[in-house]
Protein backbone atom coordinates (compact mmCIF):
# COMPACT_ATOMS: atom_id res chain seq x y z
CA MET A 1 6.78 -97.02 -108.48
CA LYS A 2 4.34 -95.16 -106.23
CA LEU A 3 7.11 -93.27 -104.43
CA VAL A 4 8.16 -91.54 -107.63
CA VAL A 5 4.61 -90.38 -108.44
CA VAL A 6 3.99 -88.87 -105.01
CA LEU A 7 7.48 -87.38 -104.87
CA ARG A 8 6.89 -85.62 -108.20
CA PHE A 9 3.73 -84.13 -106.72
CA TRP A 10 5.67 -82.84 -103.72
CA GLN A 11 8.46 -81.41 -105.84
CA GLY A 12 5.90 -79.21 -107.57
CA HIS A 13 4.51 -78.00 -104.25
CA MET A 14 7.67 -77.28 -102.24
CA THR A 15 7.72 -73.53 -101.69
CA ASN A 16 10.54 -72.97 -99.18
CA SER A 17 13.21 -74.68 -97.12
CA PHE A 18 10.45 -76.00 -94.84
CA HIS A 19 9.73 -78.46 -97.64
CA SER A 20 13.03 -79.99 -98.70
CA GLU A 21 13.17 -82.87 -101.13
CA SER A 22 14.21 -85.21 -98.30
CA TYR A 23 11.22 -84.11 -96.22
CA ALA A 24 8.96 -84.73 -99.21
CA ILE A 25 10.34 -88.27 -99.32
CA LEU A 26 9.62 -88.71 -95.61
CA LEU A 27 6.00 -87.64 -96.18
CA THR A 28 5.68 -89.87 -99.22
CA VAL A 29 6.92 -92.91 -97.30
CA LEU A 30 4.55 -92.15 -94.41
CA ILE A 31 1.57 -91.86 -96.75
CA GLU A 32 2.51 -95.07 -98.56
CA ALA A 33 2.98 -96.90 -95.26
CA ARG A 34 -0.48 -95.83 -94.06
CA ARG A 35 -2.12 -96.81 -97.34
CA ASP A 36 -0.25 -100.12 -97.51
CA LYS A 37 -1.69 -100.97 -94.09
CA GLY A 38 -5.17 -100.12 -95.37
CA LEU A 39 -5.58 -97.36 -92.79
CA THR A 40 -7.39 -94.08 -93.17
CA GLN A 41 -6.18 -90.83 -91.69
CA GLN A 42 -9.13 -91.08 -89.30
CA ILE A 43 -8.06 -94.48 -87.96
CA VAL A 44 -4.46 -93.33 -87.48
CA ALA A 45 -5.69 -90.17 -85.75
CA GLU A 46 -7.87 -92.20 -83.39
CA ARG A 47 -4.90 -94.39 -82.49
CA LEU A 48 -2.93 -91.22 -81.74
CA ARG A 49 -5.87 -89.70 -79.85
CA LYS A 50 -5.70 -86.69 -82.16
CA PRO A 51 -8.15 -85.19 -84.64
CA GLN A 52 -8.01 -86.37 -88.25
CA SER A 53 -6.76 -82.92 -89.22
CA TYR A 54 -3.54 -83.62 -87.27
CA VAL A 55 -2.68 -86.50 -89.60
CA ALA A 56 -3.84 -84.53 -92.65
CA LYS A 57 -1.58 -81.62 -91.73
CA ILE A 58 1.40 -83.92 -91.27
CA GLU A 59 0.80 -85.68 -94.59
CA GLY A 60 0.10 -82.37 -96.31
CA GLY A 61 3.37 -80.88 -95.13
CA GLU A 62 1.66 -78.21 -93.02
CA ARG A 63 2.98 -79.65 -89.77
CA ARG A 64 6.49 -81.00 -89.25
CA LEU A 65 7.12 -84.08 -87.15
CA ASP A 66 9.57 -84.23 -84.29
CA MET A 67 11.18 -87.51 -83.30
CA VAL A 68 8.70 -88.31 -80.52
CA GLU A 69 5.78 -87.72 -82.90
CA PHE A 70 7.48 -89.86 -85.54
CA ILE A 71 7.73 -92.73 -83.07
CA ALA A 72 4.08 -92.36 -82.07
CA LEU A 73 3.00 -92.24 -85.71
CA SER A 74 5.06 -95.34 -86.49
CA GLN A 75 3.40 -97.19 -83.65
CA ALA A 76 -0.05 -96.06 -84.83
CA LEU A 77 0.85 -97.52 -88.24
CA GLU A 78 1.96 -100.73 -86.49
CA ILE A 79 5.46 -100.40 -87.94
CA LYS A 80 8.60 -100.40 -85.84
CA PRO A 81 10.05 -96.86 -85.87
CA ASP A 82 13.50 -98.11 -86.90
CA ALA A 83 12.01 -100.05 -89.82
CA LEU A 84 10.05 -97.02 -91.01
CA PHE A 85 13.10 -94.81 -90.62
CA ALA A 86 15.15 -97.31 -92.65
CA ARG A 87 12.57 -97.12 -95.45
CA ILE A 88 12.86 -93.34 -95.45
CA LEU A 89 16.67 -93.45 -95.53
CA GLU A 90 16.63 -95.97 -98.36
CA ALA A 91 14.27 -93.79 -100.40
CA ILE A 92 16.46 -90.73 -99.79
CA GLU A 93 19.60 -92.64 -100.81
CA HIS A 94 17.92 -93.70 -104.07
CA LEU A 95 17.27 -90.06 -104.83
CA ASP A 96 20.94 -89.47 -105.64
């Protein structure tokens, strides 16, 4: 499963409380969602009217998302925010 591979990467790179295991799952699900849609960071950034580095920093864990940004990112991925959030919750629940 792709989620497990990316999550293992994140677990090795979490250096402080800023990067909790649950947040690593959130990032993993976001990256998978973007890739599953066949979108590049550049395309998502253009939809958000942001530079590509904005998306890269989010996906790289350098920039945390607030709820409004999460909704905007979901819309840029053409996924309903509640559906994307449900995927994140499901992945976190399977962690236990």
